[in-house]
Amino acid sequence: MAIATHEPMVTTSPAGDLDELLWRAWKALTLPKGLRAEIIEGAIEVSPTGSRRHAMIANRLRRALDRHLETDVLSAFQDGNVLDGRKVYIPDLFVAPDDLDEAPDADGLGVDVSGVVLVAEVVSPGSEASDRDRRRKRRAYARAGIEIYVIIDDFDGSGTVTVLADPDFRKGDYGSTLHVEQGTPVAIPSGALKGFTIGPEITAR
């Protein structure tokens, strides 16, 4: 579900005021176990944590990334706060400095987006979840300048993997899209993780 701001508030409040209001509301939230809250495109969105398969795919991807990196410079992390000013994202997985103290956010609540080189989302069932990962987060991550966005989607046909690269802040989109059926290897084309391949071992059922 999404907790969205009331329409008059959006139209009558300066953007900076709305960002601050949402930020304060987000910090004050106390959620039941199994829910998480993000600030995406001017709304606080509350969603459940993923299913067993969701967790399994994210964990396979994290372990494969760690094997690929083989370094103490970058590491893969799951379910941490990524902060872009007063916006908050909780991707299923992100890659950032192994020592997250190298990319702190000002409030000490997570990692600053400037240190994040990849985010990945495993799409959950339902139209709201798919719209969030395929569209709203795609725009948000591109505007934040995150180099690579990976979407693993069991609900797109028989299942797909999408690798987005070359973020464009002004357009709120990525300039490069690789979109394949699950089981077809797809390699990250650029950036710090260039050459890392997402193959059938990640998405196998």
C-alpha atoms as a PDB file:
ATOM      1  CA  MET A   1       0.000   0.000   0.000  1.00  0.00           C
ATOM      2  CA  ALA A   2       1.055   3.616  -0.310  1.00  0.00           C
ATOM      3  CA  ILE A   3       0.588   6.460   2.128  1.00  0.00           C
ATOM      4  CA  ALA A   4       0.405   9.431  -0.237  1.00  0.00           C
ATOM      5  CA  THR A   5       0.278  13.098   0.622  1.00  0.00           C
ATOM      6  CA  HIS A   6      -3.081  14.861   0.335  1.00  0.00           C
ATOM      7  CA  GLU A   7      -3.407  16.585  -3.043  1.00  0.00           C
ATOM      8  CA  PRO A   8      -3.773  20.177  -1.744  1.00  0.00           C
ATOM      9  CA  MET A   9      -0.582  19.762   0.247  1.00  0.00           C
ATOM     10  CA  VAL A  10       1.310  18.886  -2.921  1.00  0.00           C
ATOM     11  CA  THR A  11      -0.021  21.822  -4.872  1.00  0.00           C
ATOM     12  CA  THR A  12       0.295  24.516  -2.174  1.00  0.00           C
ATOM     13  CA  SER A  13       3.571  23.596  -0.465  1.00  0.00           C
ATOM     14  CA  PRO A  14       6.984  24.373  -1.913  1.00  0.00           C
ATOM     15  CA  ALA A  15       8.879  21.225  -2.826  1.00  0.00           C
ATOM     16  CA  GLY A  16      11.429  21.756  -0.080  1.00  0.00           C
ATOM     17  CA  ASP A  17       8.687  22.036   2.553  1.00  0.00           C
ATOM     18  CA  LEU A  18       6.999  18.863   1.315  1.00  0.00           C
ATOM     19  CA  ASP A  19      10.289  16.976   1.330  1.00  0.00           C
ATOM     20  CA  GLU A  20      10.917  18.052   4.920  1.00  0.00           C
ATOM     21  CA  LEU A  21       7.378  17.135   5.981  1.00  0.00           C
ATOM     22  CA  LEU A  22       7.656  13.668   4.467  1.00  0.00           C
ATOM     23  CA  TRP A  23      11.110  13.216   5.975  1.00  0.00           C
ATOM     24  CA  ARG A  24       9.856  14.014   9.482  1.00  0.00           C
ATOM     25  CA  ALA A  25       6.842  11.744   9.036  1.00  0.00           C
ATOM     26  CA  TRP A  26       9.049   8.902   7.790  1.00  0.00           C
ATOM     27  CA  LYS A  27      11.401   9.199  10.765  1.00  0.00           C
ATOM     28  CA  ALA A  28       8.431   9.133  13.167  1.00  0.00           C
ATOM     29  CA  LEU A  29       6.872   5.985  11.660  1.00  0.00           C
ATOM     30  CA  THR A  30       6.649   2.838  13.751  1.00  0.00           C
ATOM     31  CA  LEU A  31       5.725  -0.050  11.493  1.00  0.00           C
ATOM     32  CA  PRO A  32       4.655  -3.589  12.352  1.00  0.00           C
ATOM     33  CA  LYS A  33       7.230  -6.274  11.663  1.00  0.00           C
ATOM     34  CA  GLY A  34       7.284  -7.285   8.004  1.00  0.00           C
ATOM     35  CA  LEU A  35       6.615  -3.812   6.588  1.00  0.00           C
ATOM     36  CA  ARG A  36       9.010  -1.180   5.289  1.00  0.00           C
ATOM     37  CA  ALA A  37       8.538   2.469   4.314  1.00  0.00           C
ATOM     38  CA  GLU A  38      10.217   4.462   1.556  1.00  0.00           C
ATOM     39  CA  ILE A  39       9.870   8.034   0.270  1.00  0.00           C
ATOM     40  CA  ILE A  40       9.373   7.808  -3.492  1.00  0.00           C
ATOM     41  CA  GLU A  41       8.274  10.657  -5.762  1.00  0.00           C
ATOM     42  CA  GLY A  42       6.573  12.755  -3.095  1.00  0.00           C
ATOM     43  CA  ALA A  43       4.866   9.982  -1.125  1.00  0.00           C
ATOM     44  CA  ILE A  44       5.640   7.641   1.743  1.00  0.00           C
ATOM     45  CA  GLU A  45       5.086   4.129   0.413  1.00  0.00           C
ATOM     46  CA  VAL A  46       4.646   1.223   2.810  1.00  0.00           C
ATOM     47  CA  SER A  47       5.105  -2.284   1.440  1.00  0.00           C
ATOM     48  CA  PRO A  48       5.571  -5.781   2.869  1.00  0.00           C
ATOM     49  CA  THR A  49       8.896  -7.567   2.847  1.00  0.00           C
ATOM     50  CA  GLY A  50       9.244 -10.199   0.151  1.00  0.00           C
ATOM     51  CA  SER A  51       8.223 -13.837  -0.147  1.00  0.00           C
ATOM     52  CA  ARG A  52      10.521 -16.833   0.261  1.00  0.00           C
ATOM     53  CA  ARG A  53      11.408 -16.858  -3.463  1.00  0.00           C
ATOM     54  CA  HIS A  54      11.902 -13.095  -3.374  1.00  0.00           C
ATOM     55  CA  ALA A  55      14.431 -13.481  -0.545  1.00  0.00           C
ATOM     56  CA  MET A  56      16.110 -16.430  -2.261  1.00  0.00           C
ATOM     57  CA  ILE A  57      16.690 -14.536  -5.531  1.00  0.00           C
ATOM     58  CA  ALA A  58      18.044 -11.482  -3.712  1.00  0.00           C
ATOM     59  CA  ASN A  59      20.389 -13.661  -1.668  1.00  0.00           C
ATOM     60  CA  ARG A  60      21.641 -15.542  -4.740  1.00  0.00           C
ATOM     61  CA  LEU A  61      22.340 -12.226  -6.437  1.00  0.00           C
ATOM     62  CA  ARG A  62      24.159 -10.876  -3.382  1.00  0.00           C
ATOM     63  CA  ARG A  63      26.382 -13.952  -3.110  1.00  0.00           C
ATOM     64  CA  ALA A  64      27.180 -13.894  -6.833  1.00  0.00           C
ATOM     65  CA  LEU A  65      28.084 -10.211  -6.656  1.00  0.00           C
ATOM     66  CA  ASP A  66      30.370 -10.781  -3.677  1.00  0.00           C
ATOM     67  CA  ARG A  67      32.146 -13.591  -5.545  1.00  0.00           C
ATOM     68  CA  HIS A  68      32.543 -11.344  -8.579  1.00  0.00           C
ATOM     69  CA  LEU A  69      33.881  -8.420  -6.601  1.00  0.00           C
ATOM     70  CA  GLU A  70      36.527 -10.403  -4.666  1.00  0.00           C
ATOM     71  CA  THR A  71      37.616  -7.170  -3.053  1.00  0.00           C
ATOM     72  CA  ASP A  72      37.195  -5.223   0.144  1.00  0.00           C
ATOM     73  CA  VAL A  73      36.427  -2.059  -1.833  1.00  0.00           C
ATOM     74  CA  LEU A  74      32.799  -2.796  -2.782  1.00  0.00           C
ATOM     75  CA  SER A  75      30.228  -5.185  -1.296  1.00  0.00           C
ATOM     76  CA  ALA A  76      26.604  -6.141  -1.830  1.00  0.00           C
ATOM     77  CA  PHE A  77      24.063  -5.335   0.888  1.00  0.00           C
ATOM     78  CA  GLN A  78      20.402  -6.249   1.379  1.00  0.00           C
ATOM     79  CA  ASP A  79      17.514  -4.182   2.754  1.00  0.00           C
ATOM     80  CA  GLY A  80      19.400  -1.097   3.926  1.00  0.00           C
ATOM     81  CA  ASN A  81      18.322   2.536   3.682  1.00  0.00           C
ATOM     82  CA  VAL A  82      19.668   4.424   0.656  1.00  0.00           C
ATOM     83  CA  LEU A  83      19.184   8.152   1.147  1.00  0.00           C
ATOM     84  CA  ASP A  84      19.039  10.795  -1.567  1.00  0.00           C
ATOM     85  CA  GLY A  85      18.590  14.031   0.359  1.00  0.00           C
ATOM     86  CA  ARG A  86      15.143  13.692   1.916  1.00  0.00           C
ATOM     87  CA  LYS A  87      14.183  10.713  -0.246  1.00  0.00           C
ATOM     88  CA  VAL A  88      14.516   7.185   1.132  1.00  0.00           C
ATOM     89  CA  TYR A  89      14.826   3.964  -0.846  1.00  0.00           C
ATOM     90  CA  ILE A  90      15.132   0.426   0.482  1.00  0.00           C
ATOM     91  CA  PRO A  91      16.191  -1.652  -2.517  1.00  0.00           C
ATOM     92  CA  ASP A  92      16.235  -5.413  -2.252  1.00  0.00           C
ATOM     93  CA  LEU A  93      19.976  -5.197  -2.869  1.00  0.00           C
ATOM     94  CA  PHE A  94      22.570  -2.473  -3.416  1.00  0.00           C
ATOM     95  CA  VAL A  95      26.316  -2.332  -4.030  1.00  0.00           C
ATOM     96  CA  ALA A  96      28.321   0.283  -2.161  1.00  0.00           C
ATOM     97  CA  PRO A  97      31.678   0.665  -0.399  1.00  0.00           C
ATOM     98  CA  ASP A  98      32.467  -2.315   1.818  1.00  0.00           C
ATOM     99  CA  ASP A  99      32.946   0.198   4.615  1.00  0.00           C
ATOM    100  CA  LEU A 100      29.639   2.058   4.538  1.00  0.00           C
ATOM    101  CA  ASP A 101      31.165   4.753   6.729  1.00  0.00           C
ATOM    102  CA  GLU A 102      32.798   5.948   3.505  1.00  0.00           C
ATOM    103  CA  ALA A 103      29.361   6.986   2.185  1.00  0.00           C
ATOM    104  CA  PRO A 104      27.402   8.166   5.246  1.00  0.00           C
ATOM    105  CA  ASP A 105      24.191  10.128   5.034  1.00  0.00           C
ATOM    106  CA  ALA A 106      23.978  13.289   7.103  1.00  0.00           C
ATOM    107  CA  ASP A 107      21.529  11.806   9.633  1.00  0.00           C
ATOM    108  CA  GLY A 108      23.285   8.473  10.117  1.00  0.00           C
ATOM    109  CA  LEU A 109      20.259   6.460   8.999  1.00  0.00           C
ATOM    110  CA  GLY A 110      21.774   4.622   6.049  1.00  0.00           C
ATOM    111  CA  VAL A 111      24.102   5.105   3.099  1.00  0.00           C
ATOM    112  CA  ASP A 112      24.201   8.197   0.897  1.00  0.00           C
ATOM    113  CA  VAL A 113      23.161   7.481  -2.679  1.00  0.00           C
ATOM    114  CA  SER A 114      26.430   8.966  -3.971  1.00  0.00           C
ATOM    115  CA  GLY A 115      28.216   5.822  -2.784  1.00  0.00           C
ATOM    116  CA  VAL A 116      25.810   3.370  -4.443  1.00  0.00           C
ATOM    117  CA  VAL A 117      26.836   1.933  -7.835  1.00  0.00           C
ATOM    118  CA  LEU A 118      24.035  -0.616  -8.315  1.00  0.00           C
ATOM    119  CA  VAL A 119      20.545  -1.256  -7.018  1.00  0.00           C
ATOM    120  CA  ALA A 120      18.406  -4.323  -7.671  1.00  0.00           C
ATOM    121  CA  GLU A 121      14.725  -4.990  -7.142  1.00  0.00           C
ATOM    122  CA  VAL A 122      12.944  -8.347  -7.204  1.00  0.00           C
ATOM    123  CA  VAL A 123       9.384  -7.562  -8.281  1.00  0.00           C
ATOM    124  CA  SER A 124       6.609  -8.721  -5.966  1.00  0.00           C
ATOM    125  CA  PRO A 125       3.147  -9.775  -7.194  1.00  0.00           C
ATOM    126  CA  GLY A 126       0.474  -7.141  -7.787  1.00  0.00           C
ATOM    127  CA  SER A 127       0.077  -4.066  -9.964  1.00  0.00           C
ATOM    128  CA  GLU A 128       1.194  -1.632  -7.249  1.00  0.00           C
ATOM    129  CA  ALA A 129       4.472  -3.493  -6.682  1.00  0.00           C
ATOM    130  CA  SER A 130       5.205  -3.821 -10.390  1.00  0.00           C
ATOM    131  CA  ASP A 131       4.467  -0.142 -11.044  1.00  0.00           C
ATOM    132  CA  ARG A 132       6.726   0.867  -8.168  1.00  0.00           C
ATOM    133  CA  ASP A 133       9.717  -1.178  -9.372  1.00  0.00           C
ATOM    134  CA  ARG A 134       9.234  -0.827 -13.137  1.00  0.00           C
ATOM    135  CA  ARG A 135       8.312   2.861 -13.254  1.00  0.00           C
ATOM    136  CA  ARG A 136       8.508   4.956 -10.071  1.00  0.00           C
ATOM    137  CA  LYS A 137      11.773   3.515  -8.802  1.00  0.00           C
ATOM    138  CA  ARG A 138      13.205   3.492 -12.312  1.00  0.00           C
ATOM    139  CA  ARG A 139      12.655   7.260 -12.486  1.00  0.00           C
ATOM    140  CA  ALA A 140      13.866   7.838  -8.931  1.00  0.00           C
ATOM    141  CA  TYR A 141      17.055   5.803  -9.290  1.00  0.00           C
ATOM    142  CA  ALA A 142      17.886   7.479 -12.608  1.00  0.00           C
ATOM    143  CA  ARG A 143      17.382  10.938 -11.090  1.00  0.00           C
ATOM    144  CA  ALA A 144      19.612   9.904  -8.182  1.00  0.00           C
ATOM    145  CA  GLY A 145      22.386   9.000 -10.635  1.00  0.00           C
ATOM    146  CA  ILE A 146      22.714   5.335  -9.665  1.00  0.00           C
ATOM    147  CA  GLU A 147      24.831   3.739 -12.418  1.00  0.00           C
ATOM    148  CA  ILE A 148      23.007   0.410 -12.746  1.00  0.00           C
ATOM    149  CA  TYR A 149      19.454  -0.681 -11.930  1.00  0.00           C
ATOM    150  CA  VAL A 150      18.623  -4.395 -12.142  1.00  0.00           C
ATOM    151  CA  ILE A 151      14.989  -5.581 -12.162  1.00  0.00           C
ATOM    152  CA  ILE A 152      14.251  -9.294 -11.743  1.00  0.00           C
ATOM    153  CA  ASP A 153      10.595  -9.815 -12.576  1.00  0.00           C
ATOM    154  CA  ASP A 154       8.805 -13.168 -12.280  1.00  0.00           C
ATOM    155  CA  PHE A 155       5.560 -11.516 -13.383  1.00  0.00           C
ATOM    156  CA  ASP A 156       6.633 -10.133 -16.760  1.00  0.00           C
ATOM    157  CA  GLY A 157       5.534 -12.898 -19.107  1.00  0.00           C
ATOM    158  CA  SER A 158       7.369 -16.063 -18.071  1.00  0.00           C
ATOM    159  CA  GLY A 159       9.927 -13.989 -16.176  1.00  0.00           C
ATOM    160  CA  THR A 160      12.501 -11.376 -17.230  1.00  0.00           C
ATOM    161  CA  VAL A 161      15.702  -9.679 -16.135  1.00  0.00           C
ATOM    162  CA  THR A 162      16.258  -6.016 -17.029  1.00  0.00           C
ATOM    163  CA  VAL A 163      19.588  -4.207 -16.682  1.00  0.00           C
ATOM    164  CA  LEU A 164      19.378  -0.420 -16.953  1.00  0.00           C
ATOM    165  CA  ALA A 165      22.490   1.752 -17.360  1.00  0.00           C
ATOM    166  CA  ASP A 166      23.479   5.347 -18.231  1.00  0.00           C
ATOM    167  CA  PRO A 167      21.154   7.324 -15.915  1.00  0.00           C
ATOM    168  CA  ASP A 168      19.825  10.631 -17.202  1.00  0.00           C
ATOM    169  CA  PHE A 169      18.849  12.990 -14.380  1.00  0.00           C
ATOM    170  CA  ARG A 170      16.801  15.359 -16.565  1.00  0.00           C
ATOM    171  CA  LYS A 171      14.762  12.634 -18.245  1.00  0.00           C
ATOM    172  CA  GLY A 172      14.428  10.538 -15.106  1.00  0.00           C
ATOM    173  CA  ASP A 173      15.320   7.430 -17.080  1.00  0.00           C
ATOM    174  CA  TYR A 174      18.196   5.245 -18.194  1.00  0.00           C
ATOM    175  CA  GLY A 175      19.729   5.535 -21.625  1.00  0.00           C
ATOM    176  CA  SER A 176      20.614   1.848 -21.967  1.00  0.00           C
ATOM    177  CA  THR A 177      18.213  -1.066 -21.494  1.00  0.00           C
ATOM    178  CA  LEU A 178      19.016  -4.778 -21.689  1.00  0.00           C
ATOM    179  CA  HIS A 179      15.859  -6.892 -21.313  1.00  0.00           C
ATOM    180  CA  VAL A 180      16.003 -10.703 -21.486  1.00  0.00           C
ATOM    181  CA  GLU A 181      13.952 -13.713 -20.495  1.00  0.00           C
ATOM    182  CA  GLN A 182      14.963 -15.348 -17.246  1.00  0.00           C
ATOM    183  CA  GLY A 183      17.552 -18.039 -17.965  1.00  0.00           C
ATOM    184  CA  THR A 184      19.280 -15.939 -20.628  1.00  0.00           C
ATOM    185  CA  PRO A 185      22.569 -14.529 -19.298  1.00  0.00           C
ATOM    186  CA  VAL A 186      22.791 -10.737 -19.328  1.00  0.00           C
ATOM    187  CA  ALA A 187      25.958  -8.791 -18.484  1.00  0.00           C
ATOM    188  CA  ILE A 188      26.229  -5.380 -16.873  1.00  0.00           C
ATOM    189  CA  PRO A 189      27.554  -3.176 -19.695  1.00  0.00           C
ATOM    190  CA  SER A 190      29.385  -0.425 -17.827  1.00  0.00           C
ATOM    191  CA  GLY A 191      30.561   1.005 -14.534  1.00  0.00           C
ATOM    192  CA  ALA A 192      32.285  -0.604 -11.572  1.00  0.00           C
ATOM    193  CA  LEU A 193      30.464  -3.915 -12.143  1.00  0.00           C
ATOM    194  CA  LYS A 194      31.008  -4.122 -15.893  1.00  0.00           C
ATOM    195  CA  GLY A 195      31.018  -7.749 -17.030  1.00  0.00           C
ATOM    196  CA  PHE A 196      29.095  -9.184 -14.082  1.00  0.00           C
ATOM    197  CA  THR A 197      26.563 -11.599 -15.554  1.00  0.00           C
ATOM    198  CA  ILE A 198      23.125 -12.449 -14.226  1.00  0.00           C
ATOM    199  CA  GLY A 199      22.366 -15.952 -15.439  1.00  0.00           C
ATOM    200  CA  PRO A 200      19.996 -18.848 -14.779  1.00  0.00           C
ATOM    201  CA  GLU A 201      21.679 -19.679 -11.464  1.00  0.00           C
ATOM    202  CA  ILE A 202      20.160 -16.481 -10.055  1.00  0.00           C
ATOM    203  CA  THR A 203      16.581 -16.915 -11.275  1.00  0.00           C
ATOM    204  CA  ALA A 204      16.200 -20.731 -11.301  1.00  0.00           C
ATOM    205  CA  ARG A 205      12.961 -22.013  -9.805  1.00  0.00           C
END
